[in-house]
Amino acid sequence: MLVVDDDPQITRALRINLATRGYDVATAHDGATALRETAGGKPDLIVLDLCLPDTDGIDVITAIRGWSRTPILVLSARRDPHSKVAALDAGADDYVTKPFGMDELLARIRAATRRSAAVAALAQQALVDTGTFTVDLTAKRIWRDSVELHLTPTEWGVLDVLARNRGRLVSQRVLLDEVWGPGHRADGHYLRVYIGQLRRKLEPEPARPRHLITEPGMGYRLV
């Protein structure tokens, strides 16, 4: 965790209280140091004061949000609604005003880390790595050997259904319904064509597929 505050008494108190609860705590006393620590140390959470000697804390939030989703909990003496709204709009995850109770702050920290873990878990579920190619279902992007590939909208539609059901058999009917619509349930030849195209783009040996598997008479499976 990174604590950013120009008041040495506050940073010392937070470091002691957080360390006794098992947190590994780094500190920074200005915005420039906070940005360096965030880039180099990659903290799991940042506790940030807005009143810093070299810059406004909201500018620090904006800078961090340009390249990091690390949770940011603002801890500030500013009580006016404008400051709170500005900090949250800039990308802060929570806002606690000074003076503060340690129990409340610790509860806010636990809540922020839980939310961050949940988001990370969802992101991991959205990333499918077969060992040969990697699919990002959220960004709708795919890479093979670190090279991003282009799929047609229909190719992506077929792969998306298979990737979301990875390891499970997906029937021809389900694939046709999902990609082409219920009016195409008799058009199984569509699937053969597009599965063939996907194999040529994704499989090391398209004639001997390892990942896009046909289950004869039933459907397809991504493994």
C-alpha atoms as a PDB file:
ATOM      1  CA  MET A   1       0.000   0.000   0.000  1.00  0.00           C
ATOM      2  CA  LEU A   2       1.141   3.546  -0.735  1.00  0.00           C
ATOM      3  CA  VAL A   3       0.274   6.385   1.685  1.00  0.00           C
ATOM      4  CA  VAL A   4       0.681   9.869   0.200  1.00  0.00           C
ATOM      5  CA  ASP A   5       0.526  12.781   2.664  1.00  0.00           C
ATOM      6  CA  ASP A   6       2.803  15.707   3.436  1.00  0.00           C
ATOM      7  CA  ASP A   7       2.070  15.499   7.185  1.00  0.00           C
ATOM      8  CA  PRO A   8       4.756  13.218   8.702  1.00  0.00           C
ATOM      9  CA  GLN A   9       2.627  12.525  11.783  1.00  0.00           C
ATOM     10  CA  ILE A  10      -0.223  11.176   9.667  1.00  0.00           C
ATOM     11  CA  THR A  11       2.035   9.060   7.458  1.00  0.00           C
ATOM     12  CA  ARG A  12       3.778   7.643  10.542  1.00  0.00           C
ATOM     13  CA  ALA A  13       0.470   6.850  12.280  1.00  0.00           C
ATOM     14  CA  LEU A  14      -0.937   5.181   9.180  1.00  0.00           C
ATOM     15  CA  ARG A  15       2.234   3.224   8.528  1.00  0.00           C
ATOM     16  CA  ILE A  16       2.265   1.862  12.091  1.00  0.00           C
ATOM     17  CA  ASN A  17      -1.455   1.034  12.184  1.00  0.00           C
ATOM     18  CA  LEU A  18      -1.478  -0.581   8.768  1.00  0.00           C
ATOM     19  CA  ALA A  19       1.754  -2.503   9.320  1.00  0.00           C
ATOM     20  CA  THR A  20       0.402  -4.045  12.543  1.00  0.00           C
ATOM     21  CA  ARG A  21      -2.502  -5.377  10.452  1.00  0.00           C
ATOM     22  CA  GLY A  22      -0.230  -7.049   7.934  1.00  0.00           C
ATOM     23  CA  TYR A  23      -0.003  -4.372   5.241  1.00  0.00           C
ATOM     24  CA  ASP A  24       3.311  -3.581   3.558  1.00  0.00           C
ATOM     25  CA  VAL A  25       3.324   0.225   3.539  1.00  0.00           C
ATOM     26  CA  ALA A  26       5.343   2.706   1.470  1.00  0.00           C
ATOM     27  CA  THR A  27       4.997   6.462   1.929  1.00  0.00           C
ATOM     28  CA  ALA A  28       5.355   9.590  -0.205  1.00  0.00           C
ATOM     29  CA  HIS A  29       5.206  13.249   0.817  1.00  0.00           C
ATOM     30  CA  ASP A  30       4.512  14.861  -2.561  1.00  0.00           C
ATOM     31  CA  GLY A  31       2.876  14.164  -5.903  1.00  0.00           C
ATOM     32  CA  ALA A  32       6.048  13.510  -7.877  1.00  0.00           C
ATOM     33  CA  THR A  33       7.200  10.855  -5.412  1.00  0.00           C
ATOM     34  CA  ALA A  34       3.712   9.343  -5.388  1.00  0.00           C
ATOM     35  CA  LEU A  35       3.787   8.888  -9.166  1.00  0.00           C
ATOM     36  CA  ARG A  36       7.264   7.323  -9.060  1.00  0.00           C
ATOM     37  CA  GLU A  37       6.253   4.949  -6.255  1.00  0.00           C
ATOM     38  CA  THR A  38       3.072   3.973  -8.073  1.00  0.00           C
ATOM     39  CA  ALA A  39       4.929   3.233 -11.310  1.00  0.00           C
ATOM     40  CA  GLY A  40       7.803   1.399  -9.645  1.00  0.00           C
ATOM     41  CA  GLY A  41       6.154  -0.274  -6.673  1.00  0.00           C
ATOM     42  CA  LYS A  42       2.763  -1.075  -8.238  1.00  0.00           C
ATOM     43  CA  PRO A  43       0.850  -0.829  -4.938  1.00  0.00           C
ATOM     44  CA  ASP A  44      -2.434  -2.662  -4.440  1.00  0.00           C
ATOM     45  CA  LEU A  45      -4.037   0.489  -3.014  1.00  0.00           C
ATOM     46  CA  ILE A  46      -3.177   4.199  -2.645  1.00  0.00           C
ATOM     47  CA  VAL A  47      -4.273   6.400   0.267  1.00  0.00           C
ATOM     48  CA  LEU A  48      -3.935   9.950  -1.031  1.00  0.00           C
ATOM     49  CA  ASP A  49      -4.152  13.427   0.490  1.00  0.00           C
ATOM     50  CA  LEU A  50      -5.256  16.183  -1.893  1.00  0.00           C
ATOM     51  CA  CYS A  51      -3.176  18.990  -0.354  1.00  0.00           C
ATOM     52  CA  LEU A  52       0.350  18.215  -1.493  1.00  0.00           C
ATOM     53  CA  PRO A  53       3.280  20.648  -1.591  1.00  0.00           C
ATOM     54  CA  ASP A  54       4.081  20.308  -5.302  1.00  0.00           C
ATOM     55  CA  THR A  55       0.708  19.632  -6.943  1.00  0.00           C
ATOM     56  CA  ASP A  56      -2.974  19.099  -6.277  1.00  0.00           C
ATOM     57  CA  GLY A  57      -3.921  15.560  -5.394  1.00  0.00           C
ATOM     58  CA  ILE A  58      -6.639  15.566  -8.056  1.00  0.00           C
ATOM     59  CA  ASP A  59      -3.918  16.017 -10.679  1.00  0.00           C
ATOM     60  CA  VAL A  60      -2.148  12.998  -9.190  1.00  0.00           C
ATOM     61  CA  ILE A  61      -5.342  10.936  -9.507  1.00  0.00           C
ATOM     62  CA  THR A  62      -5.760  12.015 -13.126  1.00  0.00           C
ATOM     63  CA  ALA A  63      -2.154  11.114 -13.938  1.00  0.00           C
ATOM     64  CA  ILE A  64      -2.403   7.670 -12.329  1.00  0.00           C
ATOM     65  CA  ARG A  65      -5.675   6.920 -14.068  1.00  0.00           C
ATOM     66  CA  GLY A  66      -3.953   7.464 -17.387  1.00  0.00           C
ATOM     67  CA  TRP A  67      -2.238   4.082 -17.009  1.00  0.00           C
ATOM     68  CA  SER A  68      -3.348   2.327 -13.813  1.00  0.00           C
ATOM     69  CA  ARG A  69      -6.572   1.047 -12.227  1.00  0.00           C
ATOM     70  CA  THR A  70      -5.021   0.811  -8.749  1.00  0.00           C
ATOM     71  CA  PRO A  71      -7.729   1.685  -6.163  1.00  0.00           C
ATOM     72  CA  ILE A  72      -7.306   5.216  -4.788  1.00  0.00           C
ATOM     73  CA  LEU A  73      -8.795   6.211  -1.430  1.00  0.00           C
ATOM     74  CA  VAL A  74      -8.669   9.970  -0.834  1.00  0.00           C
ATOM     75  CA  LEU A  75      -7.958  11.063   2.740  1.00  0.00           C
ATOM     76  CA  SER A  76      -8.347  14.827   2.870  1.00  0.00           C
ATOM     77  CA  ALA A  77      -9.260  17.765   5.088  1.00  0.00           C
ATOM     78  CA  ARG A  78     -11.296  19.200   2.213  1.00  0.00           C
ATOM     79  CA  ARG A  79     -14.946  18.780   3.123  1.00  0.00           C
ATOM     80  CA  ASP A  80     -16.619  20.789   0.388  1.00  0.00           C
ATOM     81  CA  PRO A  81     -18.786  18.824  -2.084  1.00  0.00           C
ATOM     82  CA  HIS A  82     -16.895  20.250  -5.075  1.00  0.00           C
ATOM     83  CA  SER A  83     -13.613  18.642  -3.964  1.00  0.00           C
ATOM     84  CA  LYS A  84     -15.294  15.310  -3.345  1.00  0.00           C
ATOM     85  CA  VAL A  85     -17.012  15.331  -6.719  1.00  0.00           C
ATOM     86  CA  ALA A  86     -13.826  16.411  -8.511  1.00  0.00           C
ATOM     87  CA  ALA A  87     -11.778  13.641  -6.873  1.00  0.00           C
ATOM     88  CA  LEU A  88     -14.343  10.941  -7.632  1.00  0.00           C
ATOM     89  CA  ASP A  89     -14.789  12.159 -11.201  1.00  0.00           C
ATOM     90  CA  ALA A  90     -11.015  12.111 -11.675  1.00  0.00           C
ATOM     91  CA  GLY A  91     -10.996   8.417 -10.759  1.00  0.00           C
ATOM     92  CA  ALA A  92     -10.822   8.097  -6.952  1.00  0.00           C
ATOM     93  CA  ASP A  93     -12.651   5.072  -5.568  1.00  0.00           C
ATOM     94  CA  ASP A  94     -13.565   6.510  -2.156  1.00  0.00           C
ATOM     95  CA  TYR A  95     -13.254   9.703  -0.112  1.00  0.00           C
ATOM     96  CA  VAL A  96     -12.661  10.014   3.653  1.00  0.00           C
ATOM     97  CA  THR A  97     -12.427  13.387   5.389  1.00  0.00           C
ATOM     98  CA  LYS A  98     -10.004  14.373   8.155  1.00  0.00           C
ATOM     99  CA  PRO A  99     -10.139  14.021  11.083  1.00  0.00           C
ATOM    100  CA  PHE A 100     -10.925  10.355  10.605  1.00  0.00           C
ATOM    101  CA  GLY A 101     -11.464   7.268  12.724  1.00  0.00           C
ATOM    102  CA  MET A 102      -8.961   4.494  12.140  1.00  0.00           C
ATOM    103  CA  ASP A 103     -11.657   1.797  12.269  1.00  0.00           C
ATOM    104  CA  GLU A 104     -13.636   3.519   9.508  1.00  0.00           C
ATOM    105  CA  LEU A 105     -10.534   4.020   7.378  1.00  0.00           C
ATOM    106  CA  LEU A 106      -9.566   0.359   7.749  1.00  0.00           C
ATOM    107  CA  ALA A 107     -13.096  -0.685   6.760  1.00  0.00           C
ATOM    108  CA  ARG A 108     -12.920   1.540   3.666  1.00  0.00           C
ATOM    109  CA  ILE A 109      -9.540   0.023   2.780  1.00  0.00           C
ATOM    110  CA  ARG A 110     -10.913  -3.510   3.103  1.00  0.00           C
ATOM    111  CA  ALA A 111     -13.906  -2.607   0.935  1.00  0.00           C
ATOM    112  CA  ALA A 112     -11.692  -1.071  -1.753  1.00  0.00           C
ATOM    113  CA  THR A 113      -9.379  -4.087  -1.869  1.00  0.00           C
ATOM    114  CA  ARG A 114     -12.376  -6.461  -2.084  1.00  0.00           C
ATOM    115  CA  ARG A 115     -13.779  -4.517  -5.033  1.00  0.00           C
ATOM    116  CA  SER A 116     -10.377  -4.488  -6.709  1.00  0.00           C
ATOM    117  CA  ALA A 117      -9.993  -8.248  -6.257  1.00  0.00           C
ATOM    118  CA  ALA A 118     -13.456  -8.811  -7.734  1.00  0.00           C
ATOM    119  CA  VAL A 119     -12.645  -6.672 -10.772  1.00  0.00           C
ATOM    120  CA  ALA A 120      -9.346  -8.519 -11.249  1.00  0.00           C
ATOM    121  CA  ALA A 121     -11.156 -11.867 -11.051  1.00  0.00           C
ATOM    122  CA  LEU A 122     -13.657 -10.769 -13.707  1.00  0.00           C
ATOM    123  CA  ALA A 123     -10.843  -9.555 -15.934  1.00  0.00           C
ATOM    124  CA  GLN A 124      -9.095 -12.902 -15.561  1.00  0.00           C
ATOM    125  CA  GLN A 125     -12.273 -14.748 -16.527  1.00  0.00           C
ATOM    126  CA  ALA A 126     -12.485 -12.561 -19.641  1.00  0.00           C
ATOM    127  CA  LEU A 127      -8.980 -13.598 -20.713  1.00  0.00           C
ATOM    128  CA  VAL A 128      -8.797 -16.998 -22.431  1.00  0.00           C
ATOM    129  CA  ASP A 129      -5.298 -18.380 -23.006  1.00  0.00           C
ATOM    130  CA  THR A 130      -5.092 -21.637 -24.975  1.00  0.00           C
ATOM    131  CA  GLY A 131      -1.299 -21.734 -25.008  1.00  0.00           C
ATOM    132  CA  THR A 132      -1.355 -20.994 -28.732  1.00  0.00           C
ATOM    133  CA  PHE A 133      -3.538 -17.898 -28.855  1.00  0.00           C
ATOM    134  CA  THR A 134      -5.050 -15.539 -26.290  1.00  0.00           C
ATOM    135  CA  VAL A 135      -8.531 -14.035 -26.459  1.00  0.00           C
ATOM    136  CA  ASP A 136      -9.624 -10.920 -24.541  1.00  0.00           C
ATOM    137  CA  LEU A 137     -13.411 -11.207 -24.487  1.00  0.00           C
ATOM    138  CA  THR A 138     -13.907  -7.748 -22.989  1.00  0.00           C
ATOM    139  CA  ALA A 139     -11.715  -5.835 -25.438  1.00  0.00           C
ATOM    140  CA  LYS A 140     -12.636  -8.164 -28.332  1.00  0.00           C
ATOM    141  CA  ARG A 141      -8.993  -8.681 -29.271  1.00  0.00           C
ATOM    142  CA  ILE A 142      -6.954 -11.775 -30.016  1.00  0.00           C
ATOM    143  CA  TRP A 143      -3.214 -12.508 -30.198  1.00  0.00           C
ATOM    144  CA  ARG A 144      -1.126 -15.394 -31.463  1.00  0.00           C
ATOM    145  CA  ASP A 145       2.621 -15.443 -30.746  1.00  0.00           C
ATOM    146  CA  SER A 146       2.310 -11.858 -29.406  1.00  0.00           C
ATOM    147  CA  VAL A 147       0.908 -10.684 -32.763  1.00  0.00           C
ATOM    148  CA  GLU A 148      -2.611  -9.266 -32.780  1.00  0.00           C
ATOM    149  CA  LEU A 149      -4.864 -10.930 -35.339  1.00  0.00           C
ATOM    150  CA  HIS A 150      -7.830  -9.585 -37.264  1.00  0.00           C
ATOM    151  CA  LEU A 151     -11.072 -11.570 -37.308  1.00  0.00           C
ATOM    152  CA  THR A 152     -14.158 -10.788 -39.320  1.00  0.00           C
ATOM    153  CA  PRO A 153     -17.300  -9.981 -37.286  1.00  0.00           C
ATOM    154  CA  THR A 154     -18.726 -13.437 -38.003  1.00  0.00           C
ATOM    155  CA  GLU A 155     -15.467 -15.216 -37.127  1.00  0.00           C
ATOM    156  CA  TRP A 156     -15.373 -13.269 -33.880  1.00  0.00           C
ATOM    157  CA  GLY A 157     -19.012 -14.167 -33.163  1.00  0.00           C
ATOM    158  CA  VAL A 158     -18.274 -17.892 -33.459  1.00  0.00           C
ATOM    159  CA  LEU A 159     -15.080 -17.699 -31.405  1.00  0.00           C
ATOM    160  CA  ASP A 160     -16.756 -15.524 -28.745  1.00  0.00           C
ATOM    161  CA  VAL A 161     -19.460 -18.140 -28.102  1.00  0.00           C
ATOM    162  CA  LEU A 162     -16.903 -20.949 -27.912  1.00  0.00           C
ATOM    163  CA  ALA A 163     -14.550 -18.964 -25.670  1.00  0.00           C
ATOM    164  CA  ARG A 164     -17.311 -18.054 -23.232  1.00  0.00           C
ATOM    165  CA  ASN A 165     -18.108 -21.760 -22.979  1.00  0.00           C
ATOM    166  CA  ARG A 166     -14.489 -22.938 -23.075  1.00  0.00           C
ATOM    167  CA  GLY A 167     -14.093 -26.620 -22.349  1.00  0.00           C
ATOM    168  CA  ARG A 168     -17.799 -27.279 -22.836  1.00  0.00           C
ATOM    169  CA  LEU A 169     -19.574 -28.697 -25.874  1.00  0.00           C
ATOM    170  CA  VAL A 170     -21.540 -26.048 -27.767  1.00  0.00           C
ATOM    171  CA  SER A 171     -24.181 -27.501 -30.032  1.00  0.00           C
ATOM    172  CA  GLN A 172     -24.531 -26.473 -33.658  1.00  0.00           C
ATOM    173  CA  ARG A 173     -28.008 -25.148 -32.877  1.00  0.00           C
ATOM    174  CA  VAL A 174     -26.724 -22.871 -30.102  1.00  0.00           C
ATOM    175  CA  LEU A 175     -23.917 -21.525 -32.297  1.00  0.00           C
ATOM    176  CA  LEU A 176     -26.239 -20.857 -35.220  1.00  0.00           C
ATOM    177  CA  ASP A 177     -28.789 -19.155 -32.947  1.00  0.00           C
ATOM    178  CA  GLU A 178     -26.153 -16.992 -31.256  1.00  0.00           C
ATOM    179  CA  VAL A 179     -24.263 -15.915 -34.378  1.00  0.00           C
ATOM    180  CA  TRP A 180     -26.795 -15.982 -37.217  1.00  0.00           C
ATOM    181  CA  GLY A 181     -30.175 -16.110 -35.453  1.00  0.00           C
ATOM    182  CA  PRO A 182     -32.930 -18.748 -35.067  1.00  0.00           C
ATOM    183  CA  GLY A 183     -33.810 -18.590 -38.776  1.00  0.00           C
ATOM    184  CA  HIS A 184     -30.546 -20.323 -39.707  1.00  0.00           C
ATOM    185  CA  ARG A 185     -30.744 -23.542 -37.699  1.00  0.00           C
ATOM    186  CA  ALA A 186     -30.535 -25.646 -40.851  1.00  0.00           C
ATOM    187  CA  ASP A 187     -27.422 -23.867 -42.110  1.00  0.00           C
ATOM    188  CA  GLY A 188     -24.793 -26.038 -40.499  1.00  0.00           C
ATOM    189  CA  HIS A 189     -22.501 -25.492 -43.492  1.00  0.00           C
ATOM    190  CA  TYR A 190     -22.002 -21.913 -42.245  1.00  0.00           C
ATOM    191  CA  LEU A 191     -20.279 -23.298 -39.166  1.00  0.00           C
ATOM    192  CA  ARG A 192     -18.006 -25.597 -41.145  1.00  0.00           C
ATOM    193  CA  VAL A 193     -16.861 -22.679 -43.275  1.00  0.00           C
ATOM    194  CA  TYR A 194     -16.139 -20.324 -40.371  1.00  0.00           C
ATOM    195  CA  ILE A 195     -14.604 -22.953 -38.108  1.00  0.00           C
ATOM    196  CA  GLY A 196     -12.275 -23.756 -41.021  1.00  0.00           C
ATOM    197  CA  GLN A 197     -11.336 -20.088 -41.365  1.00  0.00           C
ATOM    198  CA  LEU A 198     -10.668 -19.793 -37.633  1.00  0.00           C
ATOM    199  CA  ARG A 199      -8.486 -22.900 -37.684  1.00  0.00           C
ATOM    200  CA  ARG A 200      -6.378 -21.466 -40.510  1.00  0.00           C
ATOM    201  CA  LYS A 201      -5.818 -18.305 -38.492  1.00  0.00           C
ATOM    202  CA  LEU A 202      -5.396 -19.808 -35.027  1.00  0.00           C
ATOM    203  CA  GLU A 203      -4.287 -23.443 -35.131  1.00  0.00           C
ATOM    204  CA  PRO A 204      -0.597 -24.397 -35.579  1.00  0.00           C
ATOM    205  CA  GLU A 205      -1.779 -27.269 -37.811  1.00  0.00           C
ATOM    206  CA  PRO A 206      -5.259 -26.441 -39.145  1.00  0.00           C
ATOM    207  CA  ALA A 207      -5.744 -29.979 -40.507  1.00  0.00           C
ATOM    208  CA  ARG A 208      -5.036 -31.396 -37.021  1.00  0.00           C
ATOM    209  CA  PRO A 209      -6.747 -28.902 -34.681  1.00  0.00           C
ATOM    210  CA  ARG A 210      -5.789 -28.860 -31.013  1.00  0.00           C
ATOM    211  CA  HIS A 211      -8.125 -26.127 -29.795  1.00  0.00           C
ATOM    212  CA  LEU A 212     -11.157 -25.803 -32.093  1.00  0.00           C
ATOM    213  CA  ILE A 213     -12.505 -29.337 -31.839  1.00  0.00           C
ATOM    214  CA  THR A 214     -15.399 -30.824 -33.816  1.00  0.00           C
ATOM    215  CA  GLU A 215     -17.669 -33.210 -31.947  1.00  0.00           C
ATOM    216  CA  PRO A 216     -19.237 -35.107 -34.886  1.00  0.00           C
ATOM    217  CA  GLY A 217     -22.994 -34.777 -35.068  1.00  0.00           C
ATOM    218  CA  MET A 218     -23.105 -32.599 -31.939  1.00  0.00           C
ATOM    219  CA  GLY A 219     -21.152 -29.367 -32.179  1.00  0.00           C
ATOM    220  CA  TYR A 220     -17.841 -27.773 -31.313  1.00  0.00           C
ATOM    221  CA  ARG A 221     -15.595 -27.249 -28.328  1.00  0.00           C
ATOM    222  CA  LEU A 222     -12.746 -24.837 -27.521  1.00  0.00           C
ATOM    223  CA  VAL A 223     -10.022 -26.510 -25.470  1.00  0.00           C
END
